[in-house]
C-alpha cells in the first residue's frame, strides 16, 4: 500500500470588498492498494477553493472524496468502477451543493501503452439553492 496525506490552511482574498476572504482548514490525501495481482483499489480526498459564475458568489469551497477499483480481466482487458462525493459550499451566498458521481469502464490494450476504452458516468447534483 502506498499513500500520502496533508494538512494545511486555505485563504483566498477577493478584490471586491463584498466578498471579503475565504478561509478554511485544508486537507487531502491519496492511497493505492494492490489487493491481488489483478485488483487495485485507490482513493483520494481533497479540499480546494474553486471559482464560479454563480451570481453573488465569489467562489466555493469544494471537499471531495473518491474511491475506485481496477480489475485486470485478461492481459489485454481491464475494467474499473469508481464513485465520488463532493460538497461545494458557496462563499457569499447561502448555497451548498452535493455532487455524487458513479462510473464504470473498460480498457482494451492494443499494446502495453495504447488502449481503446469506453466509460460511463452518472452524475447527480443536489443543491440547497431554491
N, C-alpha and C. Protein backbone atom coordinates (compact mmCIF):
# COMPACT_ATOMS: atom_id res chain seq x y z
N UNK A 1 0.84 -1.18 0.00
CA UNK A 1 0.00 0.00 0.00
C UNK A 1 0.88 1.24 0.00
N UNK A 2 0.51 2.21 -0.82
CA UNK A 2 1.20 3.49 -0.83
C UNK A 2 0.17 4.59 -0.61
N UNK A 3 0.63 5.70 -0.09
CA UNK A 3 -0.29 6.81 0.12
C UNK A 3 0.41 8.01 0.70
N UNK A 4 -0.33 9.09 0.76
CA UNK A 4 0.17 10.32 1.35
C UNK A 4 -1.02 11.12 1.88
N UNK A 5 -0.73 12.00 2.82
CA UNK A 5 -1.76 12.79 3.46
C UNK A 5 -1.18 14.15 3.78
N UNK A 6 -2.01 15.20 3.72
CA UNK A 6 -1.52 16.53 4.08
C UNK A 6 -2.57 17.31 4.85
N UNK A 7 -2.10 18.25 5.63
CA UNK A 7 -2.93 19.20 6.37
C UNK A 7 -2.40 20.59 6.10
N UNK A 8 -3.29 21.57 6.08
CA UNK A 8 -2.85 22.94 5.84
C UNK A 8 -3.97 23.92 6.12
N UNK A 9 -3.85 25.07 5.49
CA UNK A 9 -4.80 26.15 5.69
C UNK A 9 -5.02 26.85 4.36
N UNK A 10 -6.28 27.07 3.98
CA UNK A 10 -6.63 27.77 2.74
C UNK A 10 -7.07 29.19 3.04
N UNK A 11 -6.66 30.13 2.20
CA UNK A 11 -7.14 31.51 2.31
C UNK A 11 -7.16 32.11 0.92
N UNK A 12 -8.30 32.67 0.57
CA UNK A 12 -8.44 33.37 -0.71
C UNK A 12 -9.00 34.75 -0.41
N UNK A 13 -8.28 35.80 -0.82
CA UNK A 13 -8.73 37.18 -0.65
C UNK A 13 -9.27 37.67 -1.99
N UNK A 14 -10.43 38.32 -1.94
CA UNK A 14 -11.06 38.84 -3.15
C UNK A 14 -10.90 40.35 -3.21
N UNK A 15 -10.66 40.88 -4.42
CA UNK A 15 -10.50 42.32 -4.61
C UNK A 15 -11.82 43.06 -4.36
N UNK A 16 -12.94 42.42 -4.67
CA UNK A 16 -14.25 43.01 -4.47
C UNK A 16 -14.57 42.97 -2.97
N UNK A 17 -14.77 44.13 -2.33
CA UNK A 17 -15.00 44.14 -0.88
C UNK A 17 -16.28 43.44 -0.44
N UNK A 18 -17.21 43.17 -1.34
CA UNK A 18 -18.44 42.46 -0.97
C UNK A 18 -18.16 41.02 -0.55
N UNK A 19 -17.05 40.46 -1.01
CA UNK A 19 -16.77 39.05 -0.77
C UNK A 19 -15.80 38.79 0.37
N UNK A 20 -15.01 39.78 0.76
CA UNK A 20 -14.06 39.58 1.84
C UNK A 20 -13.05 38.49 1.51
N UNK A 21 -12.84 37.58 2.45
CA UNK A 21 -11.89 36.48 2.21
C UNK A 21 -12.54 35.15 2.62
N UNK A 22 -12.04 34.10 2.02
CA UNK A 22 -12.50 32.75 2.32
C UNK A 22 -11.35 32.02 3.00
N UNK A 23 -11.58 31.51 4.20
CA UNK A 23 -10.54 30.78 4.93
C UNK A 23 -11.12 29.46 5.42
N UNK A 24 -10.26 28.45 5.43
CA UNK A 24 -10.70 27.12 5.86
C UNK A 24 -9.49 26.24 6.12
N UNK A 25 -9.65 25.25 7.02
CA UNK A 25 -8.61 24.23 7.12
C UNK A 25 -8.53 23.47 5.79
N UNK A 26 -7.35 23.02 5.46
CA UNK A 26 -7.12 22.28 4.21
C UNK A 26 -6.62 20.88 4.55
N UNK A 27 -7.06 19.90 3.77
CA UNK A 27 -6.60 18.54 3.98
C UNK A 27 -6.77 17.76 2.69
N UNK A 28 -6.10 16.66 2.62
CA UNK A 28 -6.23 15.79 1.45
C UNK A 28 -5.30 14.61 1.57
N UNK A 29 -5.42 13.74 0.61
CA UNK A 29 -4.56 12.57 0.59
C UNK A 29 -4.99 11.61 -0.50
N UNK A 30 -4.20 10.61 -0.69
CA UNK A 30 -4.49 9.57 -1.68
C UNK A 30 -3.83 8.28 -1.24
N UNK A 31 -4.39 7.16 -1.75
CA UNK A 31 -3.78 5.87 -1.46
C UNK A 31 -3.99 4.93 -2.65
N UNK A 32 -3.12 3.96 -2.76
CA UNK A 32 -3.22 2.87 -3.73
C UNK A 32 -2.94 1.58 -2.99
N UNK A 33 -3.83 0.61 -3.17
CA UNK A 33 -3.69 -0.67 -2.50
C UNK A 33 -3.86 -1.78 -3.53
N UNK A 34 -2.84 -2.59 -3.69
CA UNK A 34 -2.88 -3.74 -4.60
C UNK A 34 -3.41 -4.92 -3.80
N UNK A 35 -4.72 -5.20 -3.93
CA UNK A 35 -5.33 -6.28 -3.15
C UNK A 35 -4.85 -7.65 -3.61
N UNK A 36 -4.83 -7.85 -4.92
CA UNK A 36 -4.35 -9.09 -5.53
C UNK A 36 -3.51 -8.66 -6.73
N UNK A 37 -2.81 -9.58 -7.39
CA UNK A 37 -2.05 -9.17 -8.58
C UNK A 37 -2.92 -8.54 -9.68
N UNK A 38 -4.23 -8.80 -9.66
CA UNK A 38 -5.09 -8.25 -10.71
C UNK A 38 -6.12 -7.22 -10.21
N UNK A 39 -6.08 -6.88 -8.92
CA UNK A 39 -7.06 -5.94 -8.36
C UNK A 39 -6.37 -4.82 -7.60
N UNK A 40 -6.69 -3.59 -8.00
CA UNK A 40 -6.12 -2.42 -7.32
C UNK A 40 -7.25 -1.51 -6.86
N UNK A 41 -7.15 -1.05 -5.61
CA UNK A 41 -8.11 -0.10 -5.03
C UNK A 41 -7.36 1.21 -4.80
N UNK A 42 -7.99 2.31 -5.19
CA UNK A 42 -7.37 3.62 -4.98
C UNK A 42 -8.41 4.61 -4.50
N UNK A 43 -7.96 5.64 -3.84
CA UNK A 43 -8.87 6.65 -3.35
C UNK A 43 -8.15 7.94 -3.07
N UNK A 44 -8.94 9.00 -2.96
CA UNK A 44 -8.34 10.28 -2.60
C UNK A 44 -9.37 11.16 -1.93
N UNK A 45 -8.89 12.16 -1.21
CA UNK A 45 -9.70 13.21 -0.61
C UNK A 45 -8.97 14.51 -0.87
N UNK A 46 -9.74 15.58 -1.07
CA UNK A 46 -9.12 16.86 -1.39
C UNK A 46 -10.06 17.99 -1.00
N UNK A 47 -9.49 19.11 -0.66
CA UNK A 47 -10.25 20.33 -0.39
C UNK A 47 -9.59 21.46 -1.15
N UNK A 48 -10.40 22.26 -1.85
CA UNK A 48 -9.85 23.35 -2.63
C UNK A 48 -10.87 24.47 -2.80
N UNK A 49 -10.39 25.65 -3.16
CA UNK A 49 -11.24 26.79 -3.47
C UNK A 49 -11.39 26.83 -4.99
N UNK A 50 -12.64 26.91 -5.45
CA UNK A 50 -12.94 26.94 -6.88
C UNK A 50 -13.63 28.25 -7.23
N UNK A 51 -13.43 28.70 -8.45
CA UNK A 51 -14.12 29.88 -8.95
C UNK A 51 -15.50 29.49 -9.45
N UNK A 52 -16.40 30.47 -9.54
CA UNK A 52 -17.76 30.20 -10.03
C UNK A 52 -18.30 31.42 -10.75
N UNK A 53 -19.32 31.19 -11.56
CA UNK A 53 -20.03 32.29 -12.21
C UNK A 53 -21.42 32.46 -11.62
N UNK A 54 -21.70 31.78 -10.51
CA UNK A 54 -23.00 31.90 -9.85
C UNK A 54 -23.12 33.32 -9.28
N UNK A 55 -24.23 33.98 -9.62
CA UNK A 55 -24.43 35.37 -9.20
C UNK A 55 -24.37 35.51 -7.68
N UNK A 56 -23.59 36.47 -7.23
CA UNK A 56 -23.47 36.77 -5.81
C UNK A 56 -22.41 35.98 -5.07
N UNK A 57 -21.85 34.97 -5.72
CA UNK A 57 -20.82 34.15 -5.07
C UNK A 57 -19.46 34.42 -5.69
N UNK A 58 -18.46 34.53 -4.84
CA UNK A 58 -17.10 34.75 -5.33
C UNK A 58 -16.45 33.42 -5.73
N UNK A 59 -16.85 32.36 -5.09
CA UNK A 59 -16.27 31.05 -5.33
C UNK A 59 -16.91 30.07 -4.37
N UNK A 60 -16.35 28.87 -4.35
CA UNK A 60 -16.87 27.88 -3.40
C UNK A 60 -15.74 27.00 -2.89
N UNK A 61 -15.95 26.50 -1.69
CA UNK A 61 -15.01 25.57 -1.06
C UNK A 61 -15.50 24.17 -1.40
N UNK A 62 -14.67 23.41 -2.10
CA UNK A 62 -15.04 22.06 -2.51
C UNK A 62 -14.28 21.04 -1.68
N UNK A 63 -15.04 20.10 -1.08
CA UNK A 63 -14.45 18.98 -0.35
C UNK A 63 -14.92 17.72 -1.06
N UNK A 64 -13.97 16.90 -1.54
CA UNK A 64 -14.32 15.75 -2.37
C UNK A 64 -13.57 14.50 -1.89
N UNK A 65 -14.24 13.37 -2.02
CA UNK A 65 -13.62 12.08 -1.73
C UNK A 65 -13.99 11.10 -2.84
N UNK A 66 -13.08 10.21 -3.16
CA UNK A 66 -13.31 9.28 -4.26
C UNK A 66 -12.70 7.92 -3.94
N UNK A 67 -13.33 6.88 -4.51
CA UNK A 67 -12.85 5.51 -4.36
C UNK A 67 -13.01 4.81 -5.70
N UNK A 68 -11.99 4.06 -6.11
CA UNK A 68 -12.05 3.33 -7.38
C UNK A 68 -11.44 1.95 -7.27
N UNK A 69 -11.92 1.06 -8.13
CA UNK A 69 -11.37 -0.31 -8.20
C UNK A 69 -11.06 -0.61 -9.65
N UNK A 70 -9.83 -1.06 -9.91
CA UNK A 70 -9.40 -1.50 -11.24
C UNK A 70 -9.17 -3.01 -11.17
N UNK A 71 -9.74 -3.71 -12.12
CA UNK A 71 -9.63 -5.17 -12.16
C UNK A 71 -9.11 -5.60 -13.53
N UNK A 72 -7.98 -6.33 -13.55
CA UNK A 72 -7.48 -6.90 -14.79
C UNK A 72 -8.24 -8.19 -15.06
N UNK A 73 -8.96 -8.22 -16.18
CA UNK A 73 -9.74 -9.40 -16.54
C UNK A 73 -8.91 -10.38 -17.37
N UNK A 74 -8.12 -9.81 -18.26
CA UNK A 74 -7.15 -10.56 -19.08
C UNK A 74 -5.94 -9.67 -19.23
N UNK A 75 -4.89 -10.21 -19.83
CA UNK A 75 -3.67 -9.42 -20.04
C UNK A 75 -3.96 -8.14 -20.81
N UNK A 76 -4.93 -8.16 -21.72
CA UNK A 76 -5.22 -7.01 -22.57
C UNK A 76 -6.56 -6.33 -22.27
N UNK A 77 -7.21 -6.67 -21.15
CA UNK A 77 -8.53 -6.11 -20.84
C UNK A 77 -8.66 -5.79 -19.35
N UNK A 78 -9.02 -4.55 -19.04
CA UNK A 78 -9.24 -4.16 -17.64
C UNK A 78 -10.62 -3.51 -17.51
N UNK A 79 -11.19 -3.63 -16.33
CA UNK A 79 -12.46 -3.00 -16.00
C UNK A 79 -12.25 -2.12 -14.78
N UNK A 80 -13.06 -1.08 -14.66
CA UNK A 80 -12.97 -0.22 -13.49
C UNK A 80 -14.34 0.27 -13.08
N UNK A 81 -14.49 0.51 -11.79
CA UNK A 81 -15.66 1.16 -11.23
C UNK A 81 -15.16 2.23 -10.27
N UNK A 82 -15.92 3.32 -10.16
CA UNK A 82 -15.50 4.39 -9.27
C UNK A 82 -16.71 5.15 -8.75
N UNK A 83 -16.50 5.82 -7.67
CA UNK A 83 -17.53 6.66 -7.09
C UNK A 83 -16.88 7.83 -6.37
N UNK A 84 -17.54 8.96 -6.40
CA UNK A 84 -17.04 10.11 -5.67
C UNK A 84 -18.20 10.93 -5.13
N UNK A 85 -17.90 11.68 -4.09
CA UNK A 85 -18.89 12.53 -3.45
C UNK A 85 -18.21 13.85 -3.13
N UNK A 86 -18.87 14.95 -3.46
CA UNK A 86 -18.30 16.28 -3.20
C UNK A 86 -19.35 17.18 -2.56
N UNK A 87 -18.88 18.05 -1.69
CA UNK A 87 -19.70 19.10 -1.11
C UNK A 87 -19.10 20.42 -1.56
N UNK A 88 -19.94 21.27 -2.14
CA UNK A 88 -19.50 22.58 -2.63
C UNK A 88 -20.23 23.66 -1.83
N UNK A 89 -19.50 24.32 -0.92
CA UNK A 89 -20.06 25.38 -0.08
C UNK A 89 -19.71 26.73 -0.70
N UNK A 90 -20.73 27.44 -1.16
CA UNK A 90 -20.53 28.72 -1.85
C UNK A 90 -20.26 29.84 -0.87
N UNK A 91 -19.34 30.73 -1.25
CA UNK A 91 -18.92 31.85 -0.41
C UNK A 91 -19.65 33.11 -0.87
N UNK A 92 -20.37 33.74 0.05
CA UNK A 92 -21.07 34.98 -0.29
C UNK A 92 -22.57 34.80 -0.48
N UNK A 93 -23.04 33.56 -0.62
CA UNK A 93 -24.47 33.28 -0.73
C UNK A 93 -24.79 32.05 0.13
N UNK A 94 -26.06 31.86 0.41
CA UNK A 94 -26.48 30.71 1.21
C UNK A 94 -26.81 29.55 0.28
N UNK A 95 -25.77 28.85 -0.16
CA UNK A 95 -25.96 27.71 -1.07
C UNK A 95 -24.88 26.67 -0.82
N UNK A 96 -25.31 25.42 -0.85
CA UNK A 96 -24.40 24.29 -0.75
C UNK A 96 -24.89 23.21 -1.70
N UNK A 97 -24.00 22.65 -2.50
CA UNK A 97 -24.34 21.59 -3.45
C UNK A 97 -23.65 20.29 -3.04
N UNK A 98 -24.37 19.19 -3.19
CA UNK A 98 -23.82 17.85 -3.02
C UNK A 98 -23.77 17.20 -4.39
N UNK A 99 -22.60 16.69 -4.77
CA UNK A 99 -22.42 16.08 -6.09
C UNK A 99 -21.97 14.64 -5.90
N UNK A 100 -22.73 13.70 -6.50
CA UNK A 100 -22.39 12.29 -6.46
C UNK A 100 -22.11 11.82 -7.88
N UNK A 101 -21.00 11.12 -8.07
CA UNK A 101 -20.63 10.60 -9.39
C UNK A 101 -20.32 9.11 -9.26
N UNK A 102 -20.93 8.31 -10.13
CA UNK A 102 -20.66 6.88 -10.18
C UNK A 102 -20.28 6.54 -11.61
N UNK A 103 -19.22 5.75 -11.78
CA UNK A 103 -18.77 5.42 -13.13
C UNK A 103 -18.25 4.01 -13.26
N UNK A 104 -18.17 3.57 -14.51
CA UNK A 104 -17.61 2.25 -14.83
C UNK A 104 -17.02 2.33 -16.22
N UNK A 105 -16.03 1.46 -16.48
CA UNK A 105 -15.42 1.49 -17.80
C UNK A 105 -14.62 0.24 -18.10
N UNK A 106 -14.24 0.13 -19.36
CA UNK A 106 -13.40 -0.96 -19.86
C UNK A 106 -12.27 -0.37 -20.69
N UNK A 107 -11.12 -1.03 -20.65
CA UNK A 107 -9.98 -0.67 -21.49
C UNK A 107 -9.46 -1.93 -22.18
N UNK A 108 -9.36 -1.85 -23.50
CA UNK A 108 -8.77 -2.93 -24.29
C UNK A 108 -7.42 -2.44 -24.79
N UNK A 109 -6.34 -3.11 -24.38
CA UNK A 109 -4.99 -2.68 -24.71
C UNK A 109 -4.55 -3.29 -26.04
N UNK A 110 -4.28 -2.40 -27.01
CA UNK A 110 -3.74 -2.82 -28.30
C UNK A 110 -2.26 -3.15 -28.17
N UNK A 111 -1.56 -2.33 -27.38
CA UNK A 111 -0.17 -2.55 -26.99
C UNK A 111 -0.10 -2.19 -25.51
N UNK A 112 1.02 -2.44 -24.84
CA UNK A 112 1.09 -2.06 -23.42
C UNK A 112 0.87 -0.56 -23.16
N UNK A 113 1.10 0.31 -24.16
CA UNK A 113 0.95 1.76 -23.98
C UNK A 113 -0.29 2.34 -24.67
N UNK A 114 -0.95 1.61 -25.56
CA UNK A 114 -2.08 2.13 -26.33
C UNK A 114 -3.31 1.28 -26.07
N UNK A 115 -4.42 1.95 -25.74
CA UNK A 115 -5.66 1.22 -25.48
C UNK A 115 -6.85 1.94 -26.10
N UNK A 116 -7.92 1.20 -26.27
CA UNK A 116 -9.21 1.74 -26.66
C UNK A 116 -10.11 1.52 -25.46
N UNK A 117 -10.83 2.56 -25.07
CA UNK A 117 -11.63 2.45 -23.87
C UNK A 117 -13.03 3.00 -24.03
N UNK A 118 -13.89 2.58 -23.13
CA UNK A 118 -15.26 3.09 -23.05
C UNK A 118 -15.59 3.30 -21.58
N UNK A 119 -16.21 4.43 -21.28
CA UNK A 119 -16.59 4.76 -19.91
C UNK A 119 -18.03 5.25 -19.86
N UNK A 120 -18.68 4.99 -18.74
CA UNK A 120 -20.00 5.52 -18.47
C UNK A 120 -19.92 6.23 -17.12
N UNK A 121 -20.57 7.41 -17.04
CA UNK A 121 -20.55 8.15 -15.79
C UNK A 121 -21.94 8.73 -15.53
N UNK A 122 -22.43 8.55 -14.32
CA UNK A 122 -23.70 9.12 -13.87
C UNK A 122 -23.37 10.16 -12.82
N UNK A 123 -23.93 11.37 -12.98
CA UNK A 123 -23.68 12.45 -12.02
C UNK A 123 -25.01 13.01 -11.54
N UNK A 124 -25.08 13.24 -10.23
CA UNK A 124 -26.27 13.83 -9.64
C UNK A 124 -25.85 14.99 -8.75
N UNK A 125 -26.52 16.13 -8.95
CA UNK A 125 -26.24 17.32 -8.14
C UNK A 125 -27.50 17.68 -7.36
N UNK A 126 -27.34 17.87 -6.07
CA UNK A 126 -28.43 18.30 -5.21
C UNK A 126 -28.01 19.63 -4.59
N UNK A 127 -28.86 20.65 -4.77
CA UNK A 127 -28.49 21.99 -4.32
C UNK A 127 -29.47 22.51 -3.29
N UNK A 128 -28.96 23.27 -2.32
CA UNK A 128 -29.82 23.92 -1.33
C UNK A 128 -30.42 25.21 -1.90
N UNK A 129 -29.98 25.61 -3.11
CA UNK A 129 -30.50 26.81 -3.76
C UNK A 129 -31.92 26.56 -4.22
N UNK A 130 -32.82 27.44 -3.85
CA UNK A 130 -34.23 27.21 -4.21
C UNK A 130 -34.63 27.77 -5.54
